[in-house]
């Protein structure tokens, strides 16, 4: 819980830079400063959305893999399931590589 208030002085240039950096990160200036104080790099909202989508995609693929593993352990595994598993794993790798490529 935030209970303390801290007031400090900045030059006009420093204040503008603070607000510009926070705006570029898509977060309020106070949140930006708290991130710096706690040695966290601020995550831009667009990056946060991409990360969240990647996590959701990975979870969905993981659920499918778990279903295939269950079928395998139950003796219901066949060649189509093996093909499906390989496809899902390739999709996961491809999605991850694309996000990394887009960030470079």
N, C-alpha and C. Protein backbone atom coordinates (compact mmCIF):
# COMPACT_ATOMS: atom_id res chain seq x y z
N UNK A 1 0.85 -1.17 0.00
CA UNK A 1 0.00 0.00 0.00
C UNK A 1 0.89 1.24 0.00
N UNK A 2 0.56 2.16 -0.83
CA UNK A 2 1.34 3.40 -0.92
C UNK A 2 0.80 4.40 0.11
N UNK A 3 1.66 4.75 1.06
CA UNK A 3 1.23 5.67 2.12
C UNK A 3 2.07 6.93 2.19
N UNK A 4 3.21 6.95 1.51
CA UNK A 4 4.14 8.07 1.62
C UNK A 4 4.08 8.96 0.38
N UNK A 5 4.23 10.26 0.61
CA UNK A 5 4.31 11.24 -0.46
C UNK A 5 5.72 11.81 -0.46
N UNK A 6 6.31 11.95 -1.64
CA UNK A 6 7.65 12.49 -1.75
C UNK A 6 7.64 13.57 -2.83
N UNK A 7 8.09 14.75 -2.49
CA UNK A 7 8.11 15.87 -3.43
C UNK A 7 9.56 16.23 -3.68
N UNK A 8 9.91 16.44 -4.94
CA UNK A 8 11.28 16.85 -5.27
C UNK A 8 11.24 17.79 -6.46
N UNK A 9 12.35 18.48 -6.66
CA UNK A 9 12.42 19.48 -7.73
C UNK A 9 13.19 18.93 -8.92
N UNK A 10 12.74 19.33 -10.10
CA UNK A 10 13.38 18.97 -11.36
C UNK A 10 13.54 20.21 -12.22
N UNK A 11 14.49 20.16 -13.12
CA UNK A 11 14.55 21.22 -14.13
C UNK A 11 13.41 20.96 -15.11
N UNK A 12 13.08 21.97 -15.90
CA UNK A 12 12.04 21.78 -16.91
C UNK A 12 12.40 20.64 -17.86
N UNK A 13 13.68 20.58 -18.23
CA UNK A 13 14.13 19.55 -19.17
C UNK A 13 14.00 18.15 -18.54
N UNK A 14 14.39 18.02 -17.26
CA UNK A 14 14.28 16.73 -16.59
C UNK A 14 12.82 16.30 -16.43
N UNK A 15 11.97 17.25 -16.10
CA UNK A 15 10.55 16.94 -15.95
C UNK A 15 9.97 16.47 -17.28
N UNK A 16 10.31 17.18 -18.35
CA UNK A 16 9.81 16.81 -19.67
C UNK A 16 10.31 15.41 -20.05
N UNK A 17 11.59 15.13 -19.75
CA UNK A 17 12.16 13.82 -20.07
C UNK A 17 11.45 12.72 -19.27
N UNK A 18 11.17 12.99 -17.99
CA UNK A 18 10.46 12.03 -17.15
C UNK A 18 9.10 11.70 -17.76
N UNK A 19 8.33 12.73 -18.09
CA UNK A 19 7.00 12.51 -18.64
C UNK A 19 7.06 11.87 -20.03
N UNK A 20 8.07 12.21 -20.80
CA UNK A 20 8.24 11.60 -22.12
C UNK A 20 8.54 10.10 -21.99
N UNK A 21 9.45 9.77 -21.08
CA UNK A 21 9.79 8.36 -20.87
C UNK A 21 8.58 7.57 -20.38
N UNK A 22 7.85 8.15 -19.45
CA UNK A 22 6.65 7.48 -18.92
C UNK A 22 5.61 7.32 -20.02
N UNK A 23 5.43 8.36 -20.81
CA UNK A 23 4.45 8.32 -21.90
C UNK A 23 4.86 7.24 -22.91
N UNK A 24 6.16 7.17 -23.24
CA UNK A 24 6.63 6.14 -24.18
C UNK A 24 6.42 4.74 -23.63
N UNK A 25 6.51 4.61 -22.31
CA UNK A 25 6.28 3.31 -21.68
C UNK A 25 4.79 3.03 -21.52
N UNK A 26 3.96 4.08 -21.70
CA UNK A 26 2.51 3.91 -21.58
C UNK A 26 2.04 3.78 -20.15
N UNK A 27 2.81 4.36 -19.23
CA UNK A 27 2.44 4.28 -17.81
C UNK A 27 2.54 5.66 -17.18
N UNK A 28 1.88 5.88 -16.04
CA UNK A 28 1.99 7.16 -15.34
C UNK A 28 3.41 7.40 -14.85
N UNK A 29 3.79 8.67 -14.70
CA UNK A 29 5.14 9.03 -14.28
C UNK A 29 5.48 8.41 -12.92
N UNK A 30 4.54 8.40 -11.99
CA UNK A 30 4.80 7.83 -10.67
C UNK A 30 5.14 6.34 -10.77
N UNK A 31 4.41 5.62 -11.60
CA UNK A 31 4.68 4.20 -11.79
C UNK A 31 6.05 4.00 -12.45
N UNK A 32 6.37 4.87 -13.38
CA UNK A 32 7.67 4.82 -14.06
C UNK A 32 8.80 4.99 -13.03
N UNK A 33 8.67 5.99 -12.15
CA UNK A 33 9.68 6.22 -11.12
C UNK A 33 9.79 5.06 -10.15
N UNK A 34 8.66 4.50 -9.73
CA UNK A 34 8.69 3.35 -8.83
C UNK A 34 9.42 2.17 -9.47
N UNK A 35 9.23 1.99 -10.76
CA UNK A 35 9.93 0.93 -11.47
C UNK A 35 11.43 1.13 -11.45
N UNK A 36 11.85 2.36 -11.66
CA UNK A 36 13.29 2.67 -11.63
C UNK A 36 13.85 2.43 -10.23
N UNK A 37 13.15 2.89 -9.22
CA UNK A 37 13.60 2.74 -7.83
C UNK A 37 13.75 1.25 -7.48
N UNK A 38 12.86 0.43 -7.98
CA UNK A 38 12.87 -1.01 -7.66
C UNK A 38 13.63 -1.84 -8.69
N UNK A 39 14.45 -1.17 -9.51
CA UNK A 39 15.28 -1.84 -10.53
C UNK A 39 14.47 -2.69 -11.50
N UNK A 40 13.30 -2.20 -11.86
CA UNK A 40 12.47 -2.87 -12.87
C UNK A 40 12.47 -1.99 -14.10
N UNK A 41 12.67 -2.62 -15.23
CA UNK A 41 12.53 -1.87 -16.47
C UNK A 41 11.04 -1.72 -16.78
N UNK A 42 10.60 -0.53 -17.06
CA UNK A 42 9.17 -0.38 -17.37
C UNK A 42 8.82 -1.12 -18.66
N UNK A 43 7.71 -1.79 -18.64
CA UNK A 43 7.23 -2.53 -19.81
C UNK A 43 6.18 -1.67 -20.50
N UNK A 44 6.41 -1.40 -21.79
CA UNK A 44 5.42 -0.62 -22.53
C UNK A 44 4.13 -1.41 -22.61
N UNK A 45 3.01 -0.71 -22.63
CA UNK A 45 1.70 -1.38 -22.67
C UNK A 45 1.59 -2.30 -23.88
N UNK A 46 2.13 -1.86 -25.03
CA UNK A 46 2.07 -2.69 -26.23
C UNK A 46 2.82 -4.00 -26.02
N UNK A 47 3.99 -3.91 -25.35
CA UNK A 47 4.77 -5.11 -25.06
C UNK A 47 4.03 -5.99 -24.07
N UNK A 48 3.39 -5.38 -23.08
CA UNK A 48 2.63 -6.13 -22.08
C UNK A 48 1.52 -6.93 -22.77
N UNK A 49 0.84 -6.29 -23.71
CA UNK A 49 -0.25 -6.96 -24.43
C UNK A 49 0.31 -8.14 -25.23
N UNK A 50 1.46 -7.93 -25.90
CA UNK A 50 2.07 -9.02 -26.66
C UNK A 50 2.49 -10.17 -25.75
N UNK A 51 3.07 -9.83 -24.61
CA UNK A 51 3.49 -10.86 -23.66
C UNK A 51 2.28 -11.64 -23.17
N UNK A 52 1.21 -10.92 -22.86
CA UNK A 52 -0.01 -11.58 -22.39
C UNK A 52 -0.57 -12.51 -23.46
N UNK A 53 -0.57 -12.06 -24.73
CA UNK A 53 -1.06 -12.90 -25.82
C UNK A 53 -0.18 -14.14 -25.99
N UNK A 54 1.14 -13.96 -25.85
CA UNK A 54 2.05 -15.10 -25.96
C UNK A 54 1.78 -16.10 -24.84
N UNK A 55 1.58 -15.60 -23.64
CA UNK A 55 1.28 -16.49 -22.51
C UNK A 55 -0.02 -17.25 -22.75
N UNK A 56 -1.06 -16.54 -23.21
CA UNK A 56 -2.34 -17.20 -23.49
C UNK A 56 -2.19 -18.26 -24.58
N UNK A 57 -1.43 -17.92 -25.63
CA UNK A 57 -1.19 -18.86 -26.72
C UNK A 57 -0.44 -20.09 -26.21
N UNK A 58 0.58 -19.84 -25.42
CA UNK A 58 1.38 -20.93 -24.87
C UNK A 58 0.52 -21.82 -23.98
N UNK A 59 -0.33 -21.21 -23.17
CA UNK A 59 -1.23 -21.99 -22.31
C UNK A 59 -2.17 -22.86 -23.12
N UNK A 60 -2.73 -22.30 -24.19
CA UNK A 60 -3.65 -23.06 -25.04
C UNK A 60 -2.93 -24.24 -25.68
N UNK A 61 -1.72 -24.00 -26.17
CA UNK A 61 -0.94 -25.08 -26.78
C UNK A 61 -0.60 -26.12 -25.71
N UNK A 62 -0.23 -25.65 -24.53
CA UNK A 62 0.08 -26.57 -23.43
C UNK A 62 -1.10 -27.45 -23.07
N UNK A 63 -2.30 -26.86 -23.06
CA UNK A 63 -3.50 -27.65 -22.78
C UNK A 63 -3.70 -28.74 -23.83
N UNK A 64 -3.47 -28.37 -25.10
CA UNK A 64 -3.61 -29.37 -26.17
C UNK A 64 -2.57 -30.47 -26.02
N UNK A 65 -1.35 -30.10 -25.68
CA UNK A 65 -0.30 -31.10 -25.49
C UNK A 65 -0.66 -32.03 -24.33
N UNK A 66 -1.21 -31.45 -23.26
CA UNK A 66 -1.63 -32.28 -22.12
C UNK A 66 -2.71 -33.28 -22.52
N UNK A 67 -3.65 -32.85 -23.36
CA UNK A 67 -4.70 -33.75 -23.83
C UNK A 67 -4.10 -34.89 -24.66
N UNK A 68 -3.13 -34.55 -25.49
CA UNK A 68 -2.47 -35.58 -26.31
C UNK A 68 -1.71 -36.55 -25.41
N UNK A 69 -1.01 -36.02 -24.39
CA UNK A 69 -0.27 -36.88 -23.46
C UNK A 69 -1.23 -37.82 -22.72
N UNK A 70 -2.38 -37.28 -22.33
CA UNK A 70 -3.37 -38.12 -21.65
C UNK A 70 -3.82 -39.26 -22.56
N UNK A 71 -4.08 -38.91 -23.83
CA UNK A 71 -4.48 -39.95 -24.79
C UNK A 71 -3.36 -40.98 -24.97
N UNK A 72 -2.13 -40.50 -25.02
CA UNK A 72 -0.99 -41.41 -25.18
C UNK A 72 -0.91 -42.37 -24.00
N UNK A 73 -1.03 -41.83 -22.79
CA UNK A 73 -0.94 -42.65 -21.59
C UNK A 73 -2.13 -43.61 -21.45
N UNK A 74 -3.24 -43.28 -22.10
CA UNK A 74 -4.43 -44.13 -22.05
C UNK A 74 -4.41 -45.20 -23.14
N UNK A 75 -3.40 -45.15 -24.00
CA UNK A 75 -3.32 -46.12 -25.09
C UNK A 75 -4.11 -45.72 -26.32
N UNK A 76 -4.60 -44.48 -26.37
CA UNK A 76 -5.39 -44.02 -27.52
C UNK A 76 -4.55 -43.21 -28.51
N UNK A 77 -3.26 -43.21 -28.33
CA UNK A 77 -2.37 -42.40 -29.15
C UNK A 77 -2.21 -43.04 -30.52
N UNK A 78 -2.37 -42.24 -31.57
CA UNK A 78 -2.15 -42.76 -32.92
C UNK A 78 -1.31 -41.75 -33.71
N UNK A 79 -1.06 -42.06 -34.95
CA UNK A 79 -0.18 -41.22 -35.78
C UNK A 79 -0.73 -39.81 -35.96
N UNK A 80 -2.04 -39.66 -36.03
CA UNK A 80 -2.62 -38.31 -36.21
C UNK A 80 -2.36 -37.45 -34.98
N UNK A 81 -2.39 -38.06 -33.81
CA UNK A 81 -2.10 -37.31 -32.58
C UNK A 81 -0.63 -36.90 -32.54
N UNK A 82 0.24 -37.78 -32.99
CA UNK A 82 1.67 -37.45 -33.04
C UNK A 82 1.89 -36.27 -33.98
N UNK A 83 1.24 -36.29 -35.12
CA UNK A 83 1.35 -35.19 -36.08
C UNK A 83 0.81 -33.90 -35.48
N UNK A 84 -0.30 -33.99 -34.77
CA UNK A 84 -0.90 -32.82 -34.12
C UNK A 84 0.04 -32.24 -33.06
N UNK A 85 0.66 -33.09 -32.29
CA UNK A 85 1.59 -32.66 -31.26
C UNK A 85 2.79 -31.93 -31.88
N UNK A 86 3.34 -32.49 -32.92
CA UNK A 86 4.48 -31.86 -33.59
C UNK A 86 4.08 -30.50 -34.14
N UNK A 87 2.88 -30.41 -34.73
CA UNK A 87 2.40 -29.15 -35.28
C UNK A 87 2.25 -28.10 -34.18
N UNK A 88 1.70 -28.48 -33.04
CA UNK A 88 1.53 -27.54 -31.93
C UNK A 88 2.87 -27.05 -31.40
N UNK A 89 3.82 -27.96 -31.30
CA UNK A 89 5.14 -27.57 -30.81
C UNK A 89 5.83 -26.62 -31.80
N UNK A 90 5.69 -26.88 -33.09
CA UNK A 90 6.26 -25.99 -34.10
C UNK A 90 5.60 -24.62 -34.05
N UNK A 91 4.30 -24.60 -33.82
CA UNK A 91 3.56 -23.34 -33.70
C UNK A 91 4.06 -22.52 -32.51
N UNK A 92 4.29 -23.18 -31.40
CA UNK A 92 4.81 -22.51 -30.22
C UNK A 92 6.17 -21.90 -30.49
N UNK A 93 7.06 -22.66 -31.09
CA UNK A 93 8.40 -22.16 -31.41
C UNK A 93 8.30 -21.00 -32.39
N UNK A 94 7.48 -21.14 -33.40
CA UNK A 94 7.32 -20.09 -34.42
C UNK A 94 6.79 -18.80 -33.81
N UNK A 95 5.77 -18.90 -32.96
CA UNK A 95 5.22 -17.70 -32.32
C UNK A 95 6.25 -17.01 -31.46
N UNK A 96 7.01 -17.78 -30.70
CA UNK A 96 8.03 -17.22 -29.83
C UNK A 96 9.12 -16.54 -30.66
N UNK A 97 9.58 -17.19 -31.72
CA UNK A 97 10.60 -16.61 -32.57
C UNK A 97 10.12 -15.32 -33.23
N UNK A 98 8.85 -15.29 -33.65
CA UNK A 98 8.30 -14.09 -34.30
C UNK A 98 8.27 -12.90 -33.33
N UNK A 99 7.88 -13.14 -32.10
CA UNK A 99 7.84 -12.06 -31.12
C UNK A 99 9.24 -11.54 -30.84
N UNK A 100 10.20 -12.45 -30.71
CA UNK A 100 11.58 -12.03 -30.47
C UNK A 100 12.09 -11.24 -31.67
N UNK A 101 11.80 -11.70 -32.88
CA UNK A 101 12.23 -11.02 -34.10
C UNK A 101 11.63 -9.61 -34.19
N UNK A 102 10.34 -9.49 -33.85
CA UNK A 102 9.65 -8.20 -33.91
C UNK A 102 10.22 -7.20 -32.92
N UNK A 103 10.78 -7.68 -31.81
CA UNK A 103 11.31 -6.80 -30.77
C UNK A 103 12.73 -6.32 -31.06
N UNK A 104 13.40 -6.97 -32.03
CA UNK A 104 14.79 -6.56 -32.34
C UNK A 104 14.82 -5.37 -33.24
